[in-house]
Amino acid sequence: MVFDFLKRAAPVEVPEQKASATGRVVAWPGAGRVAWSPRDTASLTRAGFLGNPVGFRAVKLIAETAAALPLVLQDCQRRYETHPLLELVRRPNPGQGRAEMLEAIYGQLLLSGNAYVEAVPGLAASGLPAELHVLRSDRMNVIPGPDGWPVGWEYAVGARKHRFAVQDGPPPICHIRSFHPQDDHYGFSPMQAAAVAMDVHLSATRWSKALLDNAARPSGAIVYRGADGGSTLSADQYDRLVSEMESHHQGARNAGRPMLLEGGLDWKPMGFSPSDMEFHKTKEAAAREIAIAFGVPPMLLGIPGDATYANYQEANRAFFRLTVLPLVGKVTAALSHWLSQWGGEAAELRADLDQVPALAVERDQQWARVGAADFLTPAEKRAILGLPALPEPTLPEDA
């Protein structure tokens, strides 16, 4: 009939199926995943710098040593004793001096792999900025353009944001970043490379703290043997024994106090187990890995090892050559190029190696070798030593 399609069809039995929506995902049995700390800049800074003495000392040692190096300003013709750029670096802003600003730059690079310096435009005749400020890298975001190059930077504090746009003229931000093989806009920091070792070191520290809370080790056990052969204390006896232990035999005040045991109680001393001792070795190994990630010889951080005077001297020299000087060269080259765009004058900031005590022996040897090389001209010798060329003599006007 016409309305047959409105009739309800007979129910069709469907075989019952019981299956989870996640049944296709196979869960292999195991002991659980490793709990690693977050890898964002703020979390790494809290855990690796604010909460870890090895990471804190490594960053402070590199940043303070690099910031303390004396700097010189020179171009291809002369070395400047006074210059507006030197004055700007000497006092970059009312709240910071040269060492504070450079330490902040180096610290941001070590903690996040990025350092951002803001230029405040001024009315100086030299065209240089009036002030320089180091911005927190965890608050900065690079804004890439259609071609991949940055068209600006965004500084965010909570819900408030400020954008630094790239316009005609020198950029308002100097972005210094470490090499990152998998990121086009942000750098890779030593703190990120040391993150796994940081977690291991922090976990071992918490384990040690738990041992200290328990008198540093399970010092022993009190074994009860009753006269009737039983080994169970009554509730009153147990409570009394615990009270006696807490009031007379725990804490620094009661250290070394002899214990008087009544009948049926026997003392069984204990010591560190092999697994306990392995935790101490694990902590030292993690501390070494942290120091290696930052490029600091472990003995300079007080990590146990072969710390003779000769080794310490060589380690200090290697620390300057392999860690401090490359970092200073990277930062000063970036600042020089950026500030030259503001001032319109090509001059280069560099570390004065002749004033570094740790490199005095090497510099003396280099000066002696170059000075004894008769086949080199004076201009070539000055170039090898990193000195500007001598000014050409001026001829008299009537010549």
Protein backbone atom coordinates (compact mmCIF):
# COMPACT_ATOMS: atom_id res chain seq x y z
CA MET A 1 0.00 0.00 0.00
CA VAL A 2 0.91 3.62 -0.18
CA PHE A 3 1.71 3.98 3.52
CA ASP A 4 3.55 0.69 3.93
CA PHE A 5 6.83 2.53 4.27
CA LEU A 6 5.62 3.99 7.58
CA LYS A 7 5.33 0.57 9.12
CA ARG A 8 8.14 -0.29 11.55
CA ALA A 9 10.39 -2.98 10.25
CA ALA A 10 10.81 -6.14 12.23
CA PRO A 11 13.74 -5.94 14.65
CA VAL A 12 16.91 -7.61 13.49
CA GLU A 13 19.02 -9.26 16.12
CA VAL A 14 22.62 -7.98 16.21
CA PRO A 15 25.23 -10.17 17.79
CA GLU A 16 26.46 -8.68 21.07
CA GLN A 17 29.93 -7.17 20.89
CA LYS A 18 31.93 -6.01 23.89
CA ALA A 19 34.96 -3.97 22.99
CA SER A 20 36.65 -0.87 24.31
CA ALA A 21 37.02 2.19 22.10
CA THR A 22 40.74 1.98 22.75
CA GLY A 23 40.97 -1.71 22.07
CA ARG A 24 43.03 -1.15 18.95
CA VAL A 25 45.75 0.44 21.06
CA VAL A 26 47.82 -2.34 22.56
CA ALA A 27 49.15 -1.61 26.05
CA TRP A 28 52.33 -3.50 26.67
CA PRO A 29 52.98 -4.34 30.30
CA GLY A 30 55.87 -2.55 31.97
CA ALA A 31 57.09 -0.72 35.02
CA GLY A 32 55.70 2.64 33.89
CA ARG A 33 57.17 5.64 32.14
CA VAL A 34 60.02 7.73 33.43
CA ALA A 35 58.76 11.00 34.91
CA TRP A 36 60.86 13.76 33.34
CA SER A 37 60.52 17.40 34.25
CA PRO A 38 58.99 19.88 31.75
CA ARG A 39 61.34 21.17 29.06
CA ASP A 40 60.10 24.75 28.69
CA THR A 41 62.47 27.58 29.56
CA ALA A 42 60.74 28.63 32.78
CA SER A 43 60.61 25.07 34.16
CA LEU A 44 64.22 24.34 33.22
CA THR A 45 65.36 27.57 34.88
CA ARG A 46 63.52 26.75 38.11
CA ALA A 47 64.75 23.16 38.24
CA GLY A 48 68.22 23.49 36.75
CA PHE A 49 69.35 26.91 37.97
CA LEU A 50 67.24 27.93 40.96
CA GLY A 51 66.99 24.41 42.36
CA ASN A 52 70.26 22.71 41.43
CA PRO A 53 73.65 23.78 42.84
CA VAL A 54 75.66 22.27 39.98
CA GLY A 55 73.62 24.01 37.27
CA PHE A 56 73.59 27.24 39.25
CA ARG A 57 77.35 27.26 39.71
CA ALA A 58 78.04 26.31 36.08
CA VAL A 59 75.90 29.16 34.73
CA LYS A 60 77.25 31.69 37.24
CA LEU A 61 80.85 30.66 36.61
CA ILE A 62 80.58 31.06 32.85
CA ALA A 63 78.47 34.23 32.90
CA GLU A 64 80.52 36.06 35.53
CA THR A 65 83.85 35.05 33.98
CA ALA A 66 82.74 36.10 30.51
CA ALA A 67 81.28 39.41 31.76
CA ALA A 68 84.50 40.23 33.61
CA LEU A 69 86.69 40.03 30.51
CA PRO A 70 87.97 43.47 29.48
CA LEU A 71 86.72 44.64 26.08
CA VAL A 72 88.37 46.83 23.47
CA LEU A 73 86.85 48.66 20.52
CA GLN A 74 88.75 48.87 17.28
CA ASP A 75 88.39 48.97 13.54
CA CYS A 76 90.83 48.21 10.75
CA GLN A 77 92.76 51.41 11.40
CA ARG A 78 92.85 52.13 15.12
CA ARG A 79 91.94 51.07 18.64
CA TYR A 80 89.68 53.53 20.45
CA GLU A 81 90.36 54.70 23.97
CA THR A 82 87.16 56.76 24.11
CA HIS A 83 84.11 56.27 21.93
CA PRO A 84 80.31 56.74 22.30
CA LEU A 85 79.82 53.02 21.83
CA LEU A 86 82.23 52.27 24.68
CA GLU A 87 80.35 54.71 26.90
CA LEU A 88 77.05 53.05 25.99
CA VAL A 89 78.38 49.60 26.87
CA ARG A 90 79.98 50.91 30.05
CA ARG A 91 76.62 52.23 31.30
CA PRO A 92 73.84 50.71 29.16
CA ASN A 93 70.96 51.84 31.38
CA PRO A 94 70.45 53.54 34.76
CA GLY A 95 70.02 50.22 36.57
CA GLN A 96 72.92 48.24 35.13
CA GLY A 97 76.58 48.56 34.34
CA ARG A 98 78.62 46.76 31.73
CA ALA A 99 79.22 43.63 33.83
CA GLU A 100 75.56 43.30 34.89
CA MET A 101 74.24 43.65 31.35
CA LEU A 102 76.75 41.20 29.86
CA GLU A 103 76.17 38.71 32.68
CA ALA A 104 72.44 38.84 31.95
CA ILE A 105 73.08 38.23 28.23
CA TYR A 106 75.36 35.27 28.88
CA GLY A 107 73.00 33.87 31.50
CA GLN A 108 70.00 34.00 29.16
CA LEU A 109 72.01 32.25 26.44
CA LEU A 110 73.06 29.47 28.81
CA LEU A 111 69.59 28.99 30.27
CA SER A 112 67.42 29.30 27.16
CA GLY A 113 69.73 29.44 24.14
CA ASN A 114 68.42 32.93 23.33
CA ALA A 115 69.28 36.46 24.42
CA TYR A 116 67.31 39.58 23.48
CA VAL A 117 68.68 43.12 23.83
CA GLU A 118 66.34 46.08 23.39
CA ALA A 119 67.56 49.41 22.06
CA VAL A 120 65.87 52.58 23.34
CA PRO A 121 66.21 55.28 20.66
CA GLY A 122 67.82 58.53 21.71
CA LEU A 123 68.76 61.92 20.32
CA ALA A 124 72.52 61.48 20.52
CA ALA A 125 74.55 62.90 17.67
CA SER A 126 76.28 59.53 17.22
CA GLY A 127 72.95 57.90 16.35
CA LEU A 128 73.48 55.18 18.96
CA PRO A 129 70.65 54.11 21.26
CA ALA A 130 70.17 55.98 24.51
CA GLU A 131 69.85 52.78 26.55
CA LEU A 132 70.20 49.01 26.22
CA HIS A 133 68.02 46.53 28.13
CA VAL A 134 68.25 42.73 28.32
CA LEU A 135 64.80 41.14 28.05
CA ARG A 136 63.74 37.82 29.53
CA SER A 137 63.86 35.18 26.85
CA ASP A 138 60.98 33.15 28.32
CA ARG A 139 58.68 36.11 27.61
CA MET A 140 59.79 36.72 24.02
CA ASN A 141 58.31 35.21 20.88
CA VAL A 142 59.71 35.56 17.37
CA ILE A 143 57.14 36.56 14.74
CA PRO A 144 58.23 35.11 11.38
CA GLY A 145 57.20 36.66 8.09
CA PRO A 146 56.11 34.97 4.85
CA ASP A 147 59.74 34.47 3.84
CA GLY A 148 60.70 32.95 7.20
CA TRP A 149 62.71 35.93 8.45
CA PRO A 150 61.48 37.68 11.60
CA VAL A 151 59.19 40.64 11.07
CA GLY A 152 58.98 41.40 14.76
CA TRP A 153 59.18 40.16 18.33
CA GLU A 154 56.42 39.96 20.91
CA TYR A 155 57.08 40.44 24.63
CA ALA A 156 54.30 39.01 26.81
CA VAL A 157 53.78 39.43 30.56
CA GLY A 158 50.57 37.74 31.58
CA ALA A 159 47.80 39.13 29.38
CA ARG A 160 49.78 42.22 28.37
CA LYS A 161 51.81 42.13 25.17
CA HIS A 162 54.14 44.53 23.39
CA ARG A 163 55.29 44.09 19.83
CA PHE A 164 58.64 45.21 18.45
CA ALA A 165 58.19 45.54 14.70
CA VAL A 166 60.99 45.50 12.15
CA GLN A 167 60.80 48.75 10.18
CA ASP A 168 63.12 50.82 8.05
CA GLY A 169 66.40 51.35 9.82
CA PRO A 170 68.20 49.26 12.43
CA PRO A 171 66.11 46.59 14.21
CA PRO A 172 64.95 47.44 17.74
CA ILE A 173 65.94 43.99 19.06
CA CYS A 174 69.25 42.18 18.88
CA HIS A 175 68.47 38.47 19.00
CA ILE A 176 71.52 36.35 19.86
CA ARG A 177 70.89 32.61 19.75
CA SER A 178 72.82 29.40 20.03
CA PHE A 179 72.91 26.83 17.26
CA HIS A 180 69.81 24.65 17.04
CA PRO A 181 69.74 21.98 14.32
CA GLN A 182 65.94 21.64 14.36
CA ASP A 183 64.67 25.18 14.90
CA ASP A 184 64.90 28.15 12.55
CA HIS A 185 64.09 30.86 15.08
CA TYR A 186 65.21 29.76 18.55
CA GLY A 187 68.48 28.50 19.96
CA PHE A 188 69.35 25.35 21.88
CA SER A 189 70.75 25.86 25.36
CA PRO A 190 73.17 23.76 27.43
CA MET A 191 70.45 23.59 30.07
CA GLN A 192 68.25 21.67 27.64
CA ALA A 193 71.07 19.25 26.85
CA ALA A 194 71.68 18.71 30.57
CA ALA A 195 67.99 18.29 31.43
CA VAL A 196 68.13 14.50 31.81
CA ALA A 197 71.21 14.70 34.04
CA MET A 198 69.47 17.44 36.03
CA ASP A 199 66.50 15.17 36.70
CA VAL A 200 68.78 12.34 37.82
CA HIS A 201 70.77 14.65 40.08
CA LEU A 202 67.64 16.16 41.64
CA SER A 203 66.11 12.72 42.20
CA ALA A 204 69.30 11.51 43.89
CA THR A 205 69.28 14.65 46.05
CA ARG A 206 65.69 14.01 47.14
CA TRP A 207 66.62 10.41 47.93
CA SER A 208 69.53 11.61 50.07
CA LYS A 209 67.24 14.07 51.85
CA ALA A 210 64.84 11.23 52.64
CA LEU A 211 67.72 9.27 54.14
CA LEU A 212 68.73 12.27 56.25
CA ASP A 213 65.18 12.58 57.52
CA ASN A 214 65.53 8.95 58.59
CA ALA A 215 68.81 9.55 60.51
CA ALA A 216 70.84 9.21 57.29
CA ARG A 217 70.41 5.42 57.20
CA PRO A 218 68.39 2.66 58.86
CA SER A 219 70.92 2.53 61.70
CA GLY A 220 69.60 -0.71 63.10
CA ALA A 221 66.67 -2.82 64.18
CA ILE A 222 65.35 -3.74 67.62
CA VAL A 223 64.40 -7.41 67.67
CA TYR A 224 62.09 -8.72 70.39
CA ARG A 225 62.25 -12.28 71.65
CA GLY A 226 59.84 -13.04 74.45
CA ALA A 227 60.45 -15.52 77.20
CA ASP A 228 57.74 -17.77 75.81
CA GLY A 229 59.24 -17.69 72.33
CA GLY A 230 56.86 -15.07 70.99
CA SER A 231 58.10 -12.19 68.88
CA THR A 232 55.21 -9.74 69.13
CA LEU A 233 55.03 -6.80 71.53
CA SER A 234 51.80 -5.83 73.13
CA ALA A 235 50.23 -2.54 72.10
CA ASP A 236 51.33 -0.81 75.33
CA GLN A 237 54.88 -2.14 75.01
CA TYR A 238 55.11 -1.02 71.40
CA ASP A 239 53.83 2.48 72.15
CA ARG A 240 56.22 2.85 75.07
CA LEU A 241 59.21 1.72 72.96
CA VAL A 242 58.39 4.17 70.15
CA SER A 243 57.98 7.00 72.68
CA GLU A 244 61.35 6.20 74.26
CA MET A 245 63.06 6.17 70.85
CA GLU A 246 61.55 9.50 69.79
CA SER A 247 62.29 11.33 73.04
CA HIS A 248 65.71 9.95 73.98
CA HIS A 249 67.44 8.62 70.85
CA GLN A 250 66.50 10.83 67.86
CA GLY A 251 67.85 14.18 66.72
CA ALA A 252 71.24 15.88 66.95
CA ARG A 253 70.90 16.47 70.72
CA ASN A 254 70.74 12.72 71.38
CA ALA A 255 73.46 11.67 68.94
CA GLY A 256 75.69 8.97 70.44
CA ARG A 257 73.53 8.42 73.53
CA PRO A 258 73.74 4.75 74.63
CA MET A 259 70.55 2.72 74.48
CA LEU A 260 69.36 0.67 77.46
CA LEU A 261 67.37 -2.34 76.33
CA GLU A 262 65.20 -4.36 78.63
CA GLY A 263 64.87 -8.10 78.62
CA GLY A 264 63.85 -9.68 75.35
CA LEU A 265 65.11 -6.77 73.18
CA ASP A 266 68.19 -7.16 70.99
CA TRP A 267 69.91 -4.51 68.80
CA LYS A 268 70.97 -5.41 65.23
CA PRO A 269 73.14 -2.68 63.65
CA MET A 270 72.81 -1.94 59.93
CA GLY A 271 74.81 0.00 57.35
CA PHE A 272 74.51 1.26 53.79
CA SER A 273 73.47 -1.38 51.32
CA PRO A 274 75.23 -1.65 47.92
CA SER A 275 72.18 -0.09 46.26
CA ASP A 276 72.44 2.88 48.65
CA MET A 277 76.07 3.40 47.69
CA GLU A 278 75.17 3.29 43.99
CA PHE A 279 72.95 6.34 44.47
CA HIS A 280 75.95 8.41 45.53
CA LYS A 281 77.90 7.33 42.44
CA THR A 282 74.88 8.10 40.26
CA LYS A 283 74.67 11.60 41.71
CA GLU A 284 78.36 12.27 41.01
CA ALA A 285 78.01 10.94 37.46
CA ALA A 286 74.99 13.20 36.86
CA ALA A 287 76.92 16.20 38.20
CA ARG A 288 79.75 15.45 35.76
CA GLU A 289 77.30 15.27 32.85
CA ILE A 290 75.84 18.65 33.82
CA ALA A 291 79.32 20.20 33.92
CA ILE A 292 80.24 18.64 30.57
CA ALA A 293 77.04 19.97 28.94
CA PHE A 294 78.00 23.52 29.96
CA GLY A 295 81.65 23.08 29.02
CA VAL A 296 82.98 23.49 32.56
CA PRO A 297 85.74 21.12 33.76
CA PRO A 298 84.23 19.14 36.66
CA MET A 299 87.09 19.97 39.03
CA LEU A 300 86.31 23.70 38.72
CA LEU A 301 82.89 22.94 40.25
CA GLY A 302 84.32 20.91 43.12
CA ILE A 303 83.18 17.57 41.71
CA PRO A 304 85.45 14.79 43.05
CA GLY A 305 88.13 13.72 40.63
CA ASP A 306 91.80 14.07 39.73
CA ALA A 307 92.19 17.62 41.08
CA THR A 308 95.94 18.20 41.28
CA TYR A 309 97.32 21.72 40.90
CA ALA A 310 98.68 21.05 37.39
CA ASN A 311 95.40 19.58 36.27
CA TYR A 312 93.49 22.49 37.79
CA GLN A 313 95.69 24.97 35.97
CA GLU A 314 95.21 23.21 32.66
CA ALA A 315 91.48 22.87 33.28
CA ASN A 316 91.20 26.61 33.96
CA ARG A 317 93.06 27.41 30.74
CA ALA A 318 90.88 24.99 28.77
CA PHE A 319 87.78 26.54 30.34
CA PHE A 320 88.76 29.95 28.97
CA ARG A 321 89.82 28.67 25.56
CA LEU A 322 86.96 26.26 24.85
CA THR A 323 84.00 27.81 26.68
CA VAL A 324 84.41 31.45 27.72
CA LEU A 325 86.19 32.94 24.70
CA PRO A 326 83.89 31.39 22.04
CA LEU A 327 80.85 32.65 23.96
CA VAL A 328 82.32 36.15 24.34
CA GLY A 329 83.29 36.25 20.69
CA LYS A 330 79.77 35.28 19.62
CA VAL A 331 78.06 37.90 21.77
CA THR A 332 80.47 40.78 21.08
CA ALA A 333 80.33 40.13 17.32
CA ALA A 334 76.52 40.22 17.34
CA LEU A 335 76.40 43.38 19.47
CA SER A 336 79.04 45.09 17.32
CA HIS A 337 77.20 44.41 14.09
CA TRP A 338 73.87 45.49 15.56
CA LEU A 339 75.15 48.69 17.15
CA SER A 340 77.11 49.56 13.99
CA GLN A 341 73.77 49.72 12.17
CA TRP A 342 72.64 52.33 14.67
CA GLY A 343 75.80 54.41 14.68
CA GLY A 344 76.68 53.98 11.01
CA GLU A 345 80.32 53.32 11.93
CA ALA A 346 81.91 49.88 11.52
CA ALA A 347 83.74 49.11 14.76
CA GLU A 348 84.20 45.82 16.56
CA LEU A 349 84.03 44.94 20.24
CA ARG A 350 86.34 42.12 21.24
CA ALA A 351 87.93 40.64 24.34
CA ASP A 352 91.38 41.94 25.24
CA LEU A 353 93.26 38.65 25.59
CA ASP A 354 96.41 40.36 26.84
CA GLN A 355 94.59 41.25 30.07
CA VAL A 356 93.37 37.72 30.87
CA PRO A 357 95.62 36.26 33.61
CA ALA A 358 94.74 32.66 32.75
CA LEU A 359 96.08 33.15 29.22
CA ALA A 360 99.18 35.14 30.16
CA VAL A 361 101.61 32.28 29.47
CA GLU A 362 100.11 31.55 26.05
CA ARG A 363 100.05 35.21 25.08
CA ASP A 364 103.67 35.69 26.16
CA GLN A 365 104.71 32.74 24.03
CA GLN A 366 102.73 34.05 21.05
CA TRP A 367 104.23 37.53 21.35
CA ALA A 368 107.72 36.00 21.53
CA ARG A 369 107.16 33.79 18.47
CA VAL A 370 105.67 36.58 16.41
CA GLY A 371 108.36 39.04 17.47
CA ALA A 372 111.12 36.60 16.46
CA ALA A 373 109.61 35.93 13.02
CA ASP A 374 111.86 38.09 10.82
CA PHE A 375 110.04 37.05 7.65
CA LEU A 376 106.87 38.88 8.78
CA THR A 377 106.34 42.58 8.20
CA PRO A 378 105.22 44.78 11.13
CA ALA A 379 101.74 44.98 9.61
CA GLU A 380 101.48 41.18 9.42
CA LYS A 381 102.67 40.82 13.00
CA ARG A 382 100.04 43.26 14.24
CA ALA A 383 97.34 41.41 12.31
CA ILE A 384 98.36 38.07 13.86
CA LEU A 385 98.26 39.59 17.34
CA GLY A 386 94.83 41.12 16.71
CA LEU A 387 96.06 44.73 16.70
CA PRO A 388 94.89 47.42 14.25
CA ALA A 389 97.24 48.57 11.52
CA LEU A 390 99.55 51.47 12.17
CA PRO A 391 98.38 54.77 10.68
CA GLU A 392 100.15 55.71 7.48
CA PRO A 393 102.53 58.65 7.83
CA THR A 394 101.17 61.89 6.41
CA LEU A 395 103.28 63.73 3.89
CA PRO A 396 103.89 67.45 4.33
CA GLU A 397 101.72 69.67 2.15
CA ASP A 398 104.68 71.19 0.31
CA ALA A 399 106.05 67.76 -0.64
